Amino acid sequence: MSSSWIVVIAVLIAVFGVAFVVGRLVTLRAGLIKAEAAAANIDTSGLGLSDTGPTVLHFSADWCGPCDAVRRVVDQVCRELPEVAHAEIDIDANPEAARRLSVLSLPTTIIFDAHGRPRYRTSGVPKVADLRSVLEPLLA
């Protein structure tokens, strides 16, 4: 085998290795709930937010497979915490709401406090325990 083939094979192995590591890191971050930076003057009208308690708002679409899993997780948490409201927005039917809230991928879930301020955000499917852990302090 010539040295040029060895170099080509080594480069291909390196590229696939880097792609694997990057893909793994992206996968590990999916579903993590992150605190939302203080939002200045976000128009939340028409989003279906509750004014008596926190609201879990998630963006979905008919073609989004993981959105069904988010719906199940959110429904379960809202059954366990009845003070928490739940709203779902179809990104195809309401793209303006997605633009206002900078939703770039599906599924995206945003947790709002009782004052309509976005407090937490996640892309991907959140874990039930993680969602509950960020909602419970908002109920106090």
N, C-alpha and C. Protein backbone atom coordinates (compact mmCIF):
# COMPACT_ATOMS: atom_id res chain seq x y z
N MET A 1 0.86 -1.17 0.00
CA MET A 1 0.00 0.00 0.00
C MET A 1 0.90 1.23 0.00
N SER A 2 0.60 2.17 -0.87
CA SER A 2 1.43 3.37 -0.97
C SER A 2 1.15 4.32 0.19
N SER A 3 2.07 5.21 0.42
CA SER A 3 1.93 6.16 1.54
C SER A 3 0.76 7.11 1.32
N SER A 4 0.42 7.40 0.08
CA SER A 4 -0.72 8.30 -0.16
C SER A 4 -2.03 7.65 0.28
N TRP A 5 -2.17 6.35 0.10
CA TRP A 5 -3.38 5.66 0.57
C TRP A 5 -3.44 5.64 2.09
N ILE A 6 -2.32 5.49 2.71
CA ILE A 6 -2.29 5.50 4.18
C ILE A 6 -2.73 6.86 4.71
N VAL A 7 -2.28 7.93 4.06
CA VAL A 7 -2.67 9.28 4.46
C VAL A 7 -4.17 9.47 4.26
N VAL A 8 -4.70 9.03 3.14
CA VAL A 8 -6.13 9.16 2.86
C VAL A 8 -6.95 8.41 3.92
N ILE A 9 -6.54 7.20 4.24
CA ILE A 9 -7.26 6.41 5.24
C ILE A 9 -7.17 7.08 6.61
N ALA A 10 -6.01 7.60 6.96
CA ALA A 10 -5.85 8.29 8.25
C ALA A 10 -6.73 9.52 8.33
N VAL A 11 -6.81 10.28 7.25
CA VAL A 11 -7.66 11.47 7.22
C VAL A 11 -9.13 11.08 7.36
N LEU A 12 -9.55 10.05 6.65
CA LEU A 12 -10.94 9.60 6.75
C LEU A 12 -11.28 9.15 8.17
N ILE A 13 -10.38 8.42 8.80
CA ILE A 13 -10.62 7.98 10.18
C ILE A 13 -10.72 9.18 11.10
N ALA A 14 -9.86 10.17 10.91
CA ALA A 14 -9.90 11.38 11.74
C ALA A 14 -11.21 12.14 11.54
N VAL A 15 -11.65 12.28 10.30
CA VAL A 15 -12.89 13.00 10.01
C VAL A 15 -14.08 12.28 10.65
N PHE A 16 -14.15 10.97 10.50
CA PHE A 16 -15.25 10.22 11.10
C PHE A 16 -15.20 10.28 12.63
N GLY A 17 -14.01 10.28 13.19
CA GLY A 17 -13.86 10.41 14.64
C GLY A 17 -14.38 11.74 15.15
N VAL A 18 -14.01 12.82 14.47
CA VAL A 18 -14.48 14.15 14.87
C VAL A 18 -15.99 14.24 14.71
N ALA A 19 -16.52 13.72 13.62
CA ALA A 19 -17.97 13.75 13.39
C ALA A 19 -18.70 12.97 14.49
N PHE A 20 -18.15 11.85 14.90
CA PHE A 20 -18.76 11.06 15.97
C PHE A 20 -18.79 11.84 17.28
N VAL A 21 -17.67 12.46 17.64
CA VAL A 21 -17.59 13.22 18.89
C VAL A 21 -18.57 14.39 18.87
N VAL A 22 -18.61 15.13 17.78
CA VAL A 22 -19.54 16.27 17.67
C VAL A 22 -20.98 15.79 17.77
N GLY A 23 -21.32 14.73 17.06
CA GLY A 23 -22.67 14.18 17.12
C GLY A 23 -23.04 13.72 18.52
N ARG A 24 -22.10 13.12 19.20
CA ARG A 24 -22.36 12.65 20.57
C ARG A 24 -22.60 13.83 21.51
N LEU A 25 -21.82 14.89 21.38
CA LEU A 25 -22.01 16.07 22.22
C LEU A 25 -23.36 16.72 21.97
N VAL A 26 -23.76 16.81 20.72
CA VAL A 26 -25.07 17.39 20.40
C VAL A 26 -26.18 16.53 20.99
N THR A 27 -26.06 15.23 20.88
CA THR A 27 -27.06 14.32 21.42
C THR A 27 -27.16 14.42 22.93
N LEU A 28 -26.03 14.54 23.60
CA LEU A 28 -26.04 14.64 25.06
C LEU A 28 -26.70 15.93 25.54
N ARG A 29 -26.61 17.00 24.76
CA ARG A 29 -27.19 18.28 25.16
C ARG A 29 -28.69 18.36 24.87
N ALA A 30 -29.19 17.52 24.00
CA ALA A 30 -30.62 17.55 23.65
C ALA A 30 -31.45 17.21 24.88
N GLY A 31 -32.47 18.00 25.12
CA GLY A 31 -33.36 17.75 26.24
C GLY A 31 -32.94 18.40 27.54
N LEU A 32 -31.75 18.99 27.60
CA LEU A 32 -31.32 19.67 28.81
C LEU A 32 -32.08 20.98 28.95
N ILE A 33 -32.53 21.26 30.14
CA ILE A 33 -33.28 22.48 30.39
C ILE A 33 -32.31 23.55 30.86
N LYS A 34 -32.28 24.66 30.15
CA LYS A 34 -31.35 25.74 30.45
C LYS A 34 -32.13 26.97 30.89
N ALA A 35 -31.53 27.71 31.84
CA ALA A 35 -32.15 28.96 32.28
C ALA A 35 -32.15 29.94 31.12
N GLU A 36 -33.22 30.66 30.98
CA GLU A 36 -33.38 31.63 29.90
C GLU A 36 -32.79 32.97 30.35
N ALA A 37 -32.05 33.60 29.47
CA ALA A 37 -31.52 34.94 29.77
C ALA A 37 -32.68 35.91 29.92
N ALA A 38 -32.46 36.95 30.69
CA ALA A 38 -33.51 37.95 30.89
C ALA A 38 -33.95 38.49 29.54
N ALA A 39 -35.22 38.35 29.27
CA ALA A 39 -35.76 38.76 27.97
C ALA A 39 -36.34 40.16 28.09
N ALA A 40 -35.99 40.97 27.15
CA ALA A 40 -36.49 42.35 27.15
C ALA A 40 -37.64 42.48 26.16
N ASN A 41 -38.79 42.82 26.67
CA ASN A 41 -39.94 43.17 25.85
C ASN A 41 -40.32 42.11 24.81
N ILE A 42 -40.48 40.89 25.24
CA ILE A 42 -40.97 39.85 24.34
C ILE A 42 -42.49 39.92 24.33
N ASP A 43 -43.05 39.97 23.14
CA ASP A 43 -44.51 40.01 22.99
C ASP A 43 -45.04 38.59 23.16
N THR A 44 -45.72 38.34 24.28
CA THR A 44 -46.26 37.01 24.55
C THR A 44 -47.76 36.93 24.31
N SER A 45 -48.33 37.95 23.69
CA SER A 45 -49.77 37.93 23.43
C SER A 45 -50.10 36.82 22.44
N GLY A 46 -51.21 36.19 22.67
CA GLY A 46 -51.67 35.15 21.76
C GLY A 46 -50.97 33.82 21.90
N LEU A 47 -50.16 33.65 22.96
CA LEU A 47 -49.46 32.39 23.14
C LEU A 47 -50.20 31.41 24.05
N GLY A 48 -51.27 31.89 24.69
CA GLY A 48 -52.03 31.02 25.57
C GLY A 48 -51.41 30.85 26.94
N LEU A 49 -50.66 31.86 27.40
CA LEU A 49 -50.01 31.76 28.71
C LEU A 49 -51.01 32.02 29.82
N SER A 50 -50.81 31.34 30.94
CA SER A 50 -51.64 31.54 32.12
C SER A 50 -51.15 32.76 32.87
N ASP A 51 -52.08 33.49 33.48
CA ASP A 51 -51.66 34.62 34.32
C ASP A 51 -51.78 34.28 35.80
N THR A 52 -52.07 33.01 36.10
CA THR A 52 -52.19 32.60 37.50
C THR A 52 -51.08 31.65 37.94
N GLY A 53 -50.26 31.21 37.03
CA GLY A 53 -49.18 30.28 37.36
C GLY A 53 -48.29 30.06 36.17
N PRO A 54 -47.28 29.20 36.33
CA PRO A 54 -46.37 28.95 35.21
C PRO A 54 -47.06 28.24 34.05
N THR A 55 -46.49 28.43 32.87
CA THR A 55 -47.00 27.79 31.66
C THR A 55 -45.86 27.09 30.95
N VAL A 56 -46.11 25.86 30.53
CA VAL A 56 -45.18 25.13 29.68
C VAL A 56 -45.68 25.30 28.26
N LEU A 57 -44.89 25.96 27.44
CA LEU A 57 -45.25 26.19 26.04
C LEU A 57 -44.30 25.39 25.18
N HIS A 58 -44.85 24.53 24.34
CA HIS A 58 -43.94 23.83 23.43
C HIS A 58 -44.40 23.97 21.99
N PHE A 59 -43.39 24.11 21.15
CA PHE A 59 -43.60 24.26 19.72
C PHE A 59 -43.47 22.89 19.07
N SER A 60 -44.40 22.60 18.16
CA SER A 60 -44.43 21.30 17.51
C SER A 60 -44.88 21.46 16.07
N ALA A 61 -44.96 20.34 15.38
CA ALA A 61 -45.48 20.29 14.02
C ALA A 61 -45.94 18.86 13.77
N ASP A 62 -46.85 18.69 12.81
CA ASP A 62 -47.35 17.35 12.49
C ASP A 62 -46.23 16.41 12.07
N TRP A 63 -45.22 16.93 11.40
CA TRP A 63 -44.15 16.11 10.85
C TRP A 63 -43.02 15.86 11.86
N CYS A 64 -43.14 16.39 13.07
CA CYS A 64 -42.08 16.28 14.09
C CYS A 64 -42.32 15.04 14.95
N GLY A 65 -41.52 14.02 14.76
CA GLY A 65 -41.65 12.79 15.54
C GLY A 65 -41.42 12.97 17.03
N PRO A 66 -40.32 13.61 17.46
CA PRO A 66 -40.07 13.78 18.90
C PRO A 66 -41.11 14.65 19.60
N CYS A 67 -41.87 15.44 18.84
CA CYS A 67 -42.88 16.31 19.47
C CYS A 67 -43.94 15.50 20.20
N ASP A 68 -44.24 14.29 19.73
CA ASP A 68 -45.19 13.43 20.44
C ASP A 68 -44.66 13.05 21.81
N ALA A 69 -43.36 12.78 21.89
CA ALA A 69 -42.75 12.43 23.18
C ALA A 69 -42.79 13.63 24.13
N VAL A 70 -42.53 14.83 23.61
CA VAL A 70 -42.61 16.04 24.44
C VAL A 70 -44.03 16.20 24.97
N ARG A 71 -45.00 15.99 24.12
CA ARG A 71 -46.40 16.13 24.52
C ARG A 71 -46.72 15.17 25.68
N ARG A 72 -46.23 13.94 25.59
CA ARG A 72 -46.48 12.96 26.67
C ARG A 72 -45.82 13.39 27.97
N VAL A 73 -44.57 13.87 27.89
CA VAL A 73 -43.85 14.32 29.08
C VAL A 73 -44.56 15.51 29.72
N VAL A 74 -44.91 16.49 28.90
CA VAL A 74 -45.57 17.70 29.42
C VAL A 74 -46.94 17.35 30.01
N ASP A 75 -47.70 16.51 29.34
CA ASP A 75 -49.01 16.10 29.86
C ASP A 75 -48.86 15.42 31.22
N GLN A 76 -47.85 14.56 31.36
CA GLN A 76 -47.64 13.86 32.63
C GLN A 76 -47.31 14.85 33.74
N VAL A 77 -46.39 15.78 33.47
CA VAL A 77 -46.00 16.76 34.49
C VAL A 77 -47.18 17.66 34.85
N CYS A 78 -47.96 18.07 33.86
CA CYS A 78 -49.11 18.94 34.14
C CYS A 78 -50.20 18.21 34.91
N ARG A 79 -50.32 16.90 34.74
CA ARG A 79 -51.27 16.13 35.57
C ARG A 79 -50.78 16.08 37.02
N GLU A 80 -49.46 15.96 37.20
CA GLU A 80 -48.89 15.91 38.55
C GLU A 80 -48.90 17.28 39.22
N LEU A 81 -48.80 18.34 38.44
CA LEU A 81 -48.77 19.72 38.95
C LEU A 81 -49.93 20.48 38.31
N PRO A 82 -51.15 20.35 38.83
CA PRO A 82 -52.31 20.95 38.16
C PRO A 82 -52.29 22.47 38.07
N GLU A 83 -51.42 23.13 38.85
CA GLU A 83 -51.34 24.59 38.79
C GLU A 83 -50.59 25.07 37.55
N VAL A 84 -49.94 24.14 36.86
CA VAL A 84 -49.15 24.47 35.68
C VAL A 84 -50.02 24.36 34.43
N ALA A 85 -50.03 25.42 33.64
CA ALA A 85 -50.77 25.41 32.38
C ALA A 85 -49.88 24.87 31.26
N HIS A 86 -50.51 24.41 30.21
CA HIS A 86 -49.79 23.84 29.07
C HIS A 86 -50.37 24.40 27.79
N ALA A 87 -49.50 24.89 26.93
CA ALA A 87 -49.93 25.38 25.62
C ALA A 87 -49.00 24.79 24.56
N GLU A 88 -49.57 24.47 23.42
CA GLU A 88 -48.79 23.93 22.32
C GLU A 88 -49.06 24.77 21.09
N ILE A 89 -47.99 25.12 20.38
CA ILE A 89 -48.12 25.93 19.17
C ILE A 89 -47.54 25.15 18.00
N ASP A 90 -48.35 25.00 16.96
CA ASP A 90 -47.89 24.37 15.72
C ASP A 90 -47.09 25.41 14.95
N ILE A 91 -45.83 25.11 14.73
CA ILE A 91 -44.93 26.08 14.09
C ILE A 91 -45.35 26.36 12.64
N ASP A 92 -46.00 25.40 12.00
CA ASP A 92 -46.46 25.62 10.63
C ASP A 92 -47.67 26.54 10.60
N ALA A 93 -48.53 26.45 11.61
CA ALA A 93 -49.73 27.29 11.66
C ALA A 93 -49.44 28.67 12.23
N ASN A 94 -48.39 28.80 13.04
CA ASN A 94 -48.09 30.07 13.69
C ASN A 94 -46.58 30.35 13.67
N PRO A 95 -46.01 30.56 12.48
CA PRO A 95 -44.56 30.81 12.41
C PRO A 95 -44.14 32.12 13.06
N GLU A 96 -45.07 33.07 13.16
CA GLU A 96 -44.74 34.36 13.78
C GLU A 96 -44.40 34.19 15.25
N ALA A 97 -45.13 33.34 15.96
CA ALA A 97 -44.83 33.09 17.37
C ALA A 97 -43.44 32.47 17.52
N ALA A 98 -43.10 31.57 16.62
CA ALA A 98 -41.77 30.96 16.66
C ALA A 98 -40.68 32.01 16.42
N ARG A 99 -40.92 32.94 15.51
CA ARG A 99 -39.94 34.01 15.27
C ARG A 99 -39.79 34.91 16.49
N ARG A 100 -40.91 35.28 17.10
CA ARG A 100 -40.85 36.16 18.27
C ARG A 100 -40.03 35.55 19.40
N LEU A 101 -40.10 34.23 19.53
CA LEU A 101 -39.40 33.55 20.63
C LEU A 101 -38.11 32.87 20.18
N SER A 102 -37.67 33.17 18.97
CA SER A 102 -36.40 32.64 18.44
C SER A 102 -36.35 31.11 18.48
N VAL A 103 -37.42 30.47 18.07
CA VAL A 103 -37.45 29.01 18.00
C VAL A 103 -36.84 28.61 16.67
N LEU A 104 -35.73 27.87 16.74
CA LEU A 104 -35.00 27.50 15.54
C LEU A 104 -35.07 26.01 15.23
N SER A 105 -35.53 25.21 16.19
CA SER A 105 -35.60 23.77 15.95
C SER A 105 -36.79 23.19 16.72
N LEU A 106 -37.20 22.02 16.32
CA LEU A 106 -38.30 21.33 16.98
C LEU A 106 -37.80 20.02 17.56
N PRO A 107 -38.34 19.62 18.66
CA PRO A 107 -39.26 20.35 19.52
C PRO A 107 -38.50 21.35 20.40
N THR A 108 -39.13 22.47 20.68
CA THR A 108 -38.61 23.46 21.62
C THR A 108 -39.68 23.71 22.67
N THR A 109 -39.26 23.68 23.93
CA THR A 109 -40.16 23.90 25.05
C THR A 109 -39.65 25.08 25.85
N ILE A 110 -40.56 26.00 26.18
CA ILE A 110 -40.20 27.19 26.96
C ILE A 110 -41.12 27.23 28.17
N ILE A 111 -40.52 27.44 29.35
CA ILE A 111 -41.29 27.55 30.58
C ILE A 111 -41.38 29.02 30.96
N PHE A 112 -42.61 29.50 31.10
CA PHE A 112 -42.88 30.89 31.48
C PHE A 112 -43.35 30.92 32.93
N ASP A 113 -42.99 32.00 33.65
CA ASP A 113 -43.52 32.17 35.00
C ASP A 113 -44.91 32.81 34.92
N ALA A 114 -45.52 33.06 36.07
CA ALA A 114 -46.88 33.60 36.11
C ALA A 114 -46.97 35.01 35.54
N HIS A 115 -45.84 35.69 35.42
CA HIS A 115 -45.82 37.05 34.89
C HIS A 115 -45.54 37.08 33.38
N GLY A 116 -45.48 35.90 32.76
CA GLY A 116 -45.27 35.82 31.32
C GLY A 116 -43.83 35.97 30.89
N ARG A 117 -42.90 35.82 31.83
CA ARG A 117 -41.48 35.92 31.49
C ARG A 117 -40.93 34.53 31.19
N PRO A 118 -40.20 34.37 30.10
CA PRO A 118 -39.58 33.07 29.83
C PRO A 118 -38.48 32.80 30.84
N ARG A 119 -38.54 31.65 31.51
CA ARG A 119 -37.56 31.34 32.55
C ARG A 119 -36.61 30.23 32.14
N TYR A 120 -37.11 29.24 31.40
CA TYR A 120 -36.29 28.10 30.99
C TYR A 120 -36.66 27.70 29.57
N ARG A 121 -35.68 27.06 28.91
CA ARG A 121 -35.89 26.63 27.53
C ARG A 121 -35.13 25.33 27.31
N THR A 122 -35.71 24.48 26.48
CA THR A 122 -35.02 23.26 26.10
C THR A 122 -35.37 22.91 24.66
N SER A 123 -34.42 22.33 23.97
CA SER A 123 -34.66 21.75 22.65
C SER A 123 -34.52 20.25 22.81
N GLY A 124 -35.39 19.51 22.16
CA GLY A 124 -35.39 18.07 22.34
C GLY A 124 -36.45 17.68 23.35
N VAL A 125 -36.37 16.44 23.79
CA VAL A 125 -37.37 15.90 24.71
C VAL A 125 -36.83 16.00 26.14
N PRO A 126 -37.47 16.82 26.99
CA PRO A 126 -36.99 16.93 28.37
C PRO A 126 -37.38 15.70 29.18
N LYS A 127 -36.63 15.45 30.24
CA LYS A 127 -36.97 14.38 31.16
C LYS A 127 -38.05 14.89 32.12
N VAL A 128 -38.93 14.01 32.55
CA VAL A 128 -40.02 14.38 33.46
C VAL A 128 -39.45 15.03 34.72
N ALA A 129 -38.43 14.41 35.31
CA ALA A 129 -37.86 14.93 36.56
C ALA A 129 -37.26 16.31 36.36
N ASP A 130 -36.59 16.53 35.23
CA ASP A 130 -35.99 17.85 34.97
C ASP A 130 -37.07 18.92 34.81
N LEU A 131 -38.13 18.59 34.10
CA LEU A 131 -39.21 19.55 33.89
C LEU A 131 -39.89 19.89 35.22
N ARG A 132 -40.14 18.86 36.01
CA ARG A 132 -40.76 19.08 37.32
C ARG A 132 -39.85 19.92 38.22
N SER A 133 -38.54 19.68 38.17
CA SER A 133 -37.62 20.40 39.06
C SER A 133 -37.53 21.89 38.74
N VAL A 134 -37.76 22.30 37.50
CA VAL A 134 -37.75 23.73 37.20
C VAL A 134 -39.12 24.36 37.42
N LEU A 135 -40.18 23.56 37.38
CA LEU A 135 -41.52 24.11 37.58
C LEU A 135 -41.88 24.29 39.05
N GLU A 136 -41.46 23.38 39.90
CA GLU A 136 -41.85 23.44 41.31
C GLU A 136 -41.46 24.75 41.99
N PRO A 137 -40.24 25.28 41.78
CA PRO A 137 -39.91 26.58 42.40
C PRO A 137 -40.78 27.73 41.88
N LEU A 138 -41.27 27.62 40.66
CA LEU A 138 -42.12 28.67 40.11
C LEU A 138 -43.52 28.66 40.73
N LEU A 139 -43.87 27.57 41.39
CA LEU A 139 -45.17 27.46 42.04
C LEU A 139 -45.16 28.03 43.46
N ALA A 140 -43.98 28.20 44.02
CA ALA A 140 -43.87 28.67 45.42
C ALA A 140 -44.19 30.13 45.55
